[in-house]
Protein backbone atom coordinates (compact mmCIF):
# COMPACT_ATOMS: atom_id res chain seq x y z
CA UNK A 1 32.01 13.25 -51.92
CA UNK A 2 30.57 9.83 -52.82
CA UNK A 3 32.88 7.63 -54.83
CA UNK A 4 31.65 6.46 -58.25
CA UNK A 5 32.52 3.58 -60.60
CA UNK A 6 34.35 4.55 -63.76
CA UNK A 7 35.47 2.73 -66.93
CA UNK A 8 39.13 2.73 -65.95
CA UNK A 9 38.90 1.60 -62.36
CA UNK A 10 36.91 1.32 -59.25
CA UNK A 11 37.05 3.88 -56.46
CA UNK A 12 36.02 2.51 -53.10
CA UNK A 13 35.41 4.26 -49.83
CA UNK A 14 37.93 3.63 -47.03
CA UNK A 15 36.70 1.57 -44.10
CA UNK A 16 35.00 3.53 -41.31
CA UNK A 17 37.05 1.91 -38.53
CA UNK A 18 40.77 1.33 -39.29
CA UNK A 19 42.14 -2.18 -38.87
CA UNK A 20 45.33 -3.09 -37.03
CA UNK A 21 47.19 -3.29 -40.39
CA UNK A 22 46.14 0.24 -41.28
CA UNK A 23 47.08 1.48 -37.80
CA UNK A 24 50.54 -0.11 -38.00
CA UNK A 25 51.41 1.98 -41.07
CA UNK A 26 49.61 5.16 -40.02
CA UNK A 27 51.03 8.22 -38.27
CA UNK A 28 50.49 8.50 -34.50
CA UNK A 29 47.71 11.13 -34.91
CA UNK A 30 45.51 8.56 -36.66
CA UNK A 31 45.86 6.20 -33.69
CA UNK A 32 44.65 8.92 -31.33
CA UNK A 33 41.75 9.79 -33.65
CA UNK A 34 40.64 6.15 -33.86
CA UNK A 35 40.76 5.83 -30.07
CA UNK A 36 38.65 8.97 -29.63
CA UNK A 37 36.06 7.74 -32.14
CA UNK A 38 35.69 4.40 -30.39
CA UNK A 39 35.41 5.91 -26.91
CA UNK A 40 32.97 8.61 -28.05
CA UNK A 41 30.70 6.06 -29.72
CA UNK A 42 30.70 3.79 -26.68
CA UNK A 43 29.92 6.74 -24.42
CA UNK A 44 26.96 7.83 -26.56
CA UNK A 45 25.51 4.32 -26.64
CA UNK A 46 25.93 4.06 -22.87
CA UNK A 47 24.05 7.31 -22.27
CA UNK A 48 21.20 6.33 -24.60
CA UNK A 49 20.77 2.95 -22.94
CA UNK A 50 20.59 4.38 -19.41
CA UNK A 51 17.64 6.72 -19.90
CA UNK A 52 14.13 5.77 -18.77
CA UNK A 53 11.41 8.15 -17.58
CA UNK A 54 8.82 6.62 -15.22
CA UNK A 55 5.48 8.20 -14.30
CA UNK A 56 2.12 6.69 -13.26
CA UNK A 57 -0.57 6.11 -15.85
CA UNK A 58 -3.49 7.43 -13.79
CA UNK A 59 -6.14 8.59 -13.98
CA UNK A 60 -5.83 10.60 -10.78
CA UNK A 61 -8.73 12.48 -9.22
CA UNK A 62 -8.24 15.77 -7.38
CA UNK A 63 -10.80 18.23 -5.99
CA UNK A 64 -10.82 21.86 -7.08
CA UNK A 65 -8.72 24.01 -4.76
CA UNK A 66 -6.53 21.14 -3.55
CA UNK A 67 -2.88 20.32 -4.33
CA UNK A 68 -1.99 17.82 -7.06
CA UNK A 69 1.17 15.72 -6.82
CA UNK A 70 2.55 14.51 -10.16
CA UNK A 71 5.34 11.95 -9.84
CA UNK A 72 8.23 11.40 -12.22
CA UNK A 73 11.42 9.40 -11.73
CA UNK A 74 14.32 9.09 -14.16
CA UNK A 75 16.33 5.87 -14.23
CA UNK A 76 19.98 6.29 -15.20
CA UNK A 77 22.04 9.45 -15.48
CA UNK A 78 19.94 12.58 -15.18
CA UNK A 79 20.41 16.35 -15.25
CA UNK A 80 17.91 19.04 -14.28
CA UNK A 81 18.32 20.94 -17.53
CA UNK A 82 17.03 17.95 -19.53
CA UNK A 83 13.57 17.51 -17.89
CA UNK A 84 10.33 19.47 -18.16
CA UNK A 85 6.59 18.90 -17.64
CA UNK A 86 4.04 19.38 -20.42
CA UNK A 87 0.22 19.23 -20.21
CA UNK A 88 -1.83 18.08 -23.20
CA UNK A 89 -5.52 18.99 -23.34
CA UNK A 90 -7.70 19.17 -26.46
CA UNK A 91 -4.58 18.70 -28.62
CA UNK A 92 -2.98 21.81 -27.08
CA UNK A 93 0.41 21.55 -25.36
CA UNK A 94 1.35 23.78 -22.44
CA UNK A 95 4.63 23.84 -20.57
CA UNK A 96 3.85 23.38 -16.87
CA UNK A 97 7.35 23.36 -15.41
CA UNK A 98 10.91 23.49 -16.72
CA UNK A 99 13.75 22.44 -14.42
CA UNK A 100 16.21 24.51 -16.45
CA UNK A 101 14.65 27.97 -16.42
CA UNK A 102 11.41 29.93 -16.25
CA UNK A 103 8.88 31.12 -13.67
CA UNK A 104 5.82 28.92 -13.09
CA UNK A 105 3.39 30.30 -10.46
CA UNK A 106 1.66 27.68 -8.34
CA UNK A 107 4.07 24.89 -9.30
CA UNK A 108 6.84 23.62 -7.03
CA UNK A 109 9.26 20.68 -7.37
CA UNK A 110 8.79 18.05 -4.68
CA UNK A 111 12.53 18.06 -3.92
CA UNK A 112 12.21 21.63 -2.54
CA UNK A 113 9.75 20.41 0.12
CA UNK A 114 11.49 17.16 1.07
CA UNK A 115 14.46 17.40 3.42
CA UNK A 116 15.90 14.10 2.18
CA UNK A 117 17.73 14.11 -1.18
CA UNK A 118 15.75 12.42 -3.96
CA UNK A 119 18.13 11.64 -6.80
CA UNK A 120 16.59 11.82 -10.28
CA UNK A 121 13.14 12.65 -8.85
CA UNK A 122 11.28 15.26 -10.92
CA UNK A 123 7.90 15.14 -9.19
CA UNK A 124 6.01 18.44 -8.89
CA UNK A 125 3.18 19.97 -6.87
CA UNK A 126 0.44 22.02 -8.53
CA UNK A 127 -1.28 24.16 -5.89
CA UNK A 128 -4.86 25.47 -5.92
CA UNK A 129 -6.06 23.19 -8.72
CA UNK A 130 -8.87 24.41 -11.02
CA UNK A 131 -10.77 22.74 -13.85
CA UNK A 132 -8.18 24.16 -16.24
CA UNK A 133 -5.66 21.71 -14.80
CA UNK A 134 -7.56 18.69 -16.16
CA UNK A 135 -5.64 16.89 -18.89
CA UNK A 136 -2.72 14.53 -19.44
CA UNK A 137 0.67 15.44 -18.01
CA UNK A 138 3.95 14.27 -19.54
CA UNK A 139 7.35 14.24 -17.88
CA UNK A 140 9.56 14.90 -20.91
CA UNK A 141 13.25 14.36 -21.46
CA UNK A 142 14.93 16.96 -23.67
CA UNK A 143 17.85 16.12 -25.92
CA UNK A 144 19.98 18.89 -24.36
CA UNK A 145 20.45 20.71 -27.68
CA UNK A 146 17.03 21.85 -28.88
CA UNK A 147 14.75 23.33 -26.25
CA UNK A 148 11.62 22.42 -28.22
CA UNK A 149 12.56 18.81 -28.81
CA UNK A 150 11.73 15.90 -26.52
CA UNK A 151 10.49 12.37 -26.52
CA UNK A 152 7.28 11.45 -28.27
CA UNK A 153 4.30 12.27 -26.04
CA UNK A 154 2.86 8.75 -26.05
CA UNK A 155 2.72 8.27 -22.27
CA UNK A 156 1.51 10.43 -19.44
CA UNK A 157 -0.54 10.80 -16.26
CA UNK A 158 -4.20 11.69 -16.85
CA UNK A 159 -5.78 14.00 -14.25
CA UNK A 160 -9.48 14.51 -13.51
CA UNK A 161 -10.67 17.57 -11.53
CA UNK A 162 -13.84 17.55 -9.42
CA UNK A 163 -15.54 20.93 -9.25
CA UNK A 164 -17.07 22.23 -6.03
CA UNK A 165 -20.66 21.79 -7.26
CA UNK A 166 -20.20 18.36 -8.82
CA UNK A 167 -21.75 15.28 -7.21
CA UNK A 168 -19.44 13.04 -5.23
CA UNK A 169 -17.50 10.63 -7.44
CA UNK A 170 -18.12 6.90 -7.17
CA UNK A 171 -14.55 6.35 -5.98
CA UNK A 172 -11.74 8.16 -4.15
CA UNK A 173 -8.28 6.72 -3.58
CA UNK A 174 -6.40 8.49 -0.79
CA UNK A 175 -2.65 7.92 -0.27
CA UNK A 176 -1.79 10.54 2.37
CA UNK A 177 1.92 9.61 2.68
CA UNK A 178 3.98 11.45 0.10
CA UNK A 179 7.39 10.35 1.38
CA UNK A 180 8.50 7.66 3.85
CA UNK A 181 12.06 7.24 5.18
CA UNK A 182 13.07 3.92 6.72
CA UNK A 183 16.12 1.83 7.68
CA UNK A 184 16.96 -1.69 6.57
CA UNK A 185 15.14 -4.29 8.68
CA UNK A 186 12.25 -1.96 9.55
CA UNK A 187 8.53 -2.62 9.05
CA UNK A 188 6.92 0.07 6.88
CA UNK A 189 3.23 1.02 6.88
CA UNK A 190 1.87 2.19 3.50
CA UNK A 191 -1.51 3.88 3.87
CA UNK A 192 -4.33 3.61 1.31
CA UNK A 193 -8.00 4.45 1.91
CA UNK A 194 -10.62 3.78 -0.78
CA UNK A 195 -13.91 5.68 -0.44
CA UNK A 196 -16.83 4.49 -2.57
CA UNK A 197 -17.30 1.36 -4.60
CA UNK A 198 -16.66 2.21 -8.23
CA UNK A 199 -17.04 -0.51 -10.87
CA UNK A 200 -16.46 -4.18 -9.97
CA UNK A 201 -12.75 -4.92 -9.84
CA UNK A 202 -9.81 -5.45 -7.46
CA UNK A 203 -7.52 -3.07 -5.58
CA UNK A 204 -3.81 -3.72 -6.17
CA UNK A 205 -0.50 -2.32 -5.00
CA UNK A 206 2.38 -1.72 -7.41
CA UNK A 207 5.93 -0.45 -7.12
CA UNK A 208 7.11 1.73 -9.98
CA UNK A 209 5.28 2.80 -13.12
CA UNK A 210 4.96 1.83 -16.75
CA UNK A 211 5.52 -1.63 -18.18
CA UNK A 212 8.29 -2.38 -15.68
CA UNK A 213 6.15 -1.86 -12.56
CA UNK A 214 6.15 -4.66 -10.01
CA UNK A 215 3.03 -6.20 -8.42
CA UNK A 216 3.24 -5.97 -4.61
CA UNK A 217 -0.19 -7.06 -3.29
CA UNK A 218 -3.71 -7.72 -4.64
CA UNK A 219 -5.96 -8.53 -1.60
CA UNK A 220 -7.10 -11.84 -3.12
CA UNK A 221 -5.45 -14.19 -0.67
CA UNK A 222 -2.29 -14.71 -2.74
CA UNK A 223 0.75 -14.76 -0.46
CA UNK A 224 3.45 -12.16 -1.18
CA UNK A 225 6.84 -12.33 0.56
CA UNK A 226 7.05 -9.98 3.57
CA UNK A 227 3.82 -8.13 2.64
CA UNK A 228 0.71 -8.14 4.87
CA UNK A 229 -2.66 -6.44 4.45
CA UNK A 230 -3.87 -4.28 7.35
CA UNK A 231 -7.64 -4.01 6.58
CA UNK A 232 -8.65 -2.13 9.72
CA UNK A 233 -11.99 -1.40 7.96
CA UNK A 234 -13.75 -2.12 4.67
CA UNK A 235 -12.25 1.06 3.25
CA UNK A 236 -8.73 0.33 4.42
CA UNK A 237 -6.37 -1.13 1.81
CA UNK A 238 -3.12 -0.33 3.62
CA UNK A 239 -0.21 -2.80 3.69
CA UNK A 240 2.82 -3.58 5.83
CA UNK A 241 6.27 -4.26 4.35
CA UNK A 242 8.36 -6.31 6.80
CA UNK A 243 12.12 -6.69 6.99
CA UNK A 244 12.77 -4.22 4.20
CA UNK A 245 16.10 -3.69 2.47
CA UNK A 246 17.47 -0.97 0.22
CA UNK A 247 16.03 -2.90 -2.74
CA UNK A 248 12.53 -1.98 -1.53
CA UNK A 249 13.12 1.71 -2.30
CA UNK A 250 10.76 3.14 -4.90
CA UNK A 251 7.31 4.66 -5.38
CA UNK A 252 4.29 2.57 -4.35
CA UNK A 253 0.84 3.05 -5.91
CA UNK A 254 -2.58 1.91 -4.67
CA UNK A 255 -4.62 1.24 -7.83
CA UNK A 256 -8.25 0.35 -8.59
CA UNK A 257 -8.97 -1.87 -11.60
CA UNK A 258 -12.18 -2.32 -13.54
CA UNK A 259 -12.98 -5.96 -14.30
CA UNK A 260 -14.97 -5.48 -17.55
CA UNK A 261 -13.30 -4.17 -19.54
CA UNK A 262 -10.07 -5.13 -17.77
CA UNK A 263 -8.32 -1.77 -17.34
CA UNK A 264 -6.89 0.54 -14.71
CA UNK A 265 -9.73 2.68 -13.35
CA UNK A 266 -8.13 5.04 -10.81
CA UNK A 267 -4.76 5.46 -9.10
CA UNK A 268 -3.56 7.01 -5.88
CA UNK A 269 -0.89 9.71 -5.96
CA UNK A 270 1.82 7.29 -4.81
CA UNK A 271 4.11 7.02 -1.78
CA UNK A 272 7.86 7.40 -2.25
CA UNK A 273 9.84 5.02 0.00
CA UNK A 274 13.53 5.55 0.64
CA UNK A 275 15.44 2.90 2.60
CA UNK A 276 18.80 3.68 4.20
CA UNK A 277 21.35 1.03 5.11
CA UNK A 278 21.84 0.41 8.83
CA UNK A 279 25.48 0.70 10.03
CA UNK A 280 26.38 -1.46 13.01
CA UNK A 281 29.33 0.66 14.14
CA UNK A 282 31.21 3.80 13.19
CA UNK A 283 34.40 1.90 12.36
CA UNK A 284 32.56 -0.59 10.13
CA UNK A 285 30.82 2.30 8.39
CA UNK A 286 34.09 4.11 7.71
CA UNK A 287 35.75 0.89 6.48
CA UNK A 288 32.82 0.13 4.17
CA UNK A 289 32.76 3.66 2.77
CA UNK A 290 36.54 3.66 2.24
CA UNK A 291 36.47 0.31 0.46
CA UNK A 292 33.51 1.36 -1.67
CA UNK A 293 35.32 4.56 -2.63
CA UNK A 294 38.31 2.53 -3.81
CA UNK A 295 36.31 -0.06 -5.73
CA UNK A 296 33.61 2.28 -7.08
CA UNK A 297 35.07 5.77 -7.55
CA UNK A 298 31.80 7.19 -8.89
CA UNK A 299 29.66 5.74 -6.11
CA UNK A 300 28.31 2.84 -8.16
CA UNK A 301 29.13 1.25 -11.48
CA UNK A 302 26.44 -0.35 -13.57
CA UNK A 303 27.05 -3.38 -15.73
CA UNK A 304 26.86 -1.16 -18.78
CA UNK A 305 29.57 1.12 -17.41
CA UNK A 306 31.85 -1.87 -16.77
CA UNK A 307 31.32 -3.01 -20.34
CA UNK A 308 32.34 0.42 -21.65
CA UNK A 309 35.48 0.40 -19.51
CA UNK A 310 36.32 -3.06 -20.84
CA UNK A 311 35.91 -1.84 -24.40
CA UNK A 312 38.25 1.07 -23.68
CA UNK A 313 40.91 -1.28 -22.26
CA UNK A 314 40.68 -3.63 -25.26
CA UNK A 315 40.96 -0.72 -27.69
CA UNK A 316 44.00 0.68 -25.91
CA UNK A 317 45.67 -2.76 -25.90
CA UNK A 318 45.07 -3.14 -29.64
CA UNK A 319 46.61 0.26 -30.32
CA UNK A 320 49.68 -0.59 -28.23
CA UNK A 321 50.15 -3.83 -30.19
CA UNK A 322 49.88 -1.92 -33.45
CA UNK A 323 52.46 0.59 -32.20
CA UNK A 324 54.87 -2.21 -31.25
CA UNK A 325 54.47 -3.85 -34.69
CA UNK A 326 55.11 -0.53 -36.38
CA UNK A 327 58.35 -0.03 -34.45
CA UNK A 328 59.60 -3.53 -35.35
CA UNK A 329 58.82 -3.03 -39.04
CA UNK A 330 59.34 0.68 -39.80
């Protein structure tokens, strides 16, 4: 009930979060309730801040009858039951794959084919592509409560399908490596072949997708640290990554740009690179793992997680002070 102002007095709402003075004169159950409210709110804000769904913009070109690889990576905490794929074509939405339930013929998650574990990777294969598969594909995060709810479909990967009788397109971008596994210090070869000319514009390499993607190489003579162009032929736009570390892990895209207007014209399907740390000896590996287990019980702690833990400690300290004051002045 909302409080109202009367002629004989003013009724005000109590504060949402109790102060230390209120806590000092409150029963113990109110202290526990306040602690739960603070921790629950911090946890919800932490979860919301961690989420980010990354997928390439496209467009991608695939021939009829071939297999299409659609990539999607989730940054932050992720659960299979909260991700699905949706295709939008002519304002119609169609569920392509749901990681929680359902049967989807001709569609397979990439993680079922790869022997190496790919955490938070929700890429899928669509086999035996037809013209009906043309459209824009969205990797959607669900809210976990309503099956029909998800993020706004304002981003996605556009897919073009070449029919058997169609003339050859003016450009093909071929990235044959779907997944590459390497060790720290290695030199990695990332393959990209561009067939055709297309409109005037450069070929560039990127790591990641969306606004946060990182430029890796652009074939215009600009030096990039530890990156070298191969250029075995005029159609070869492959690169070498030298002296890699675990920070080089990610998905790399070979992309064609159109100069006028300045826009992305066509993208390769991407190559997922996973870099493992190199252990010098068994004893050093066991010592490192044991120390990491003690310092980081969950495997790794982000800065945001540390902030939440700090907030919990401060809240608990404040409640203990309030309890001590209450005992001194019953």
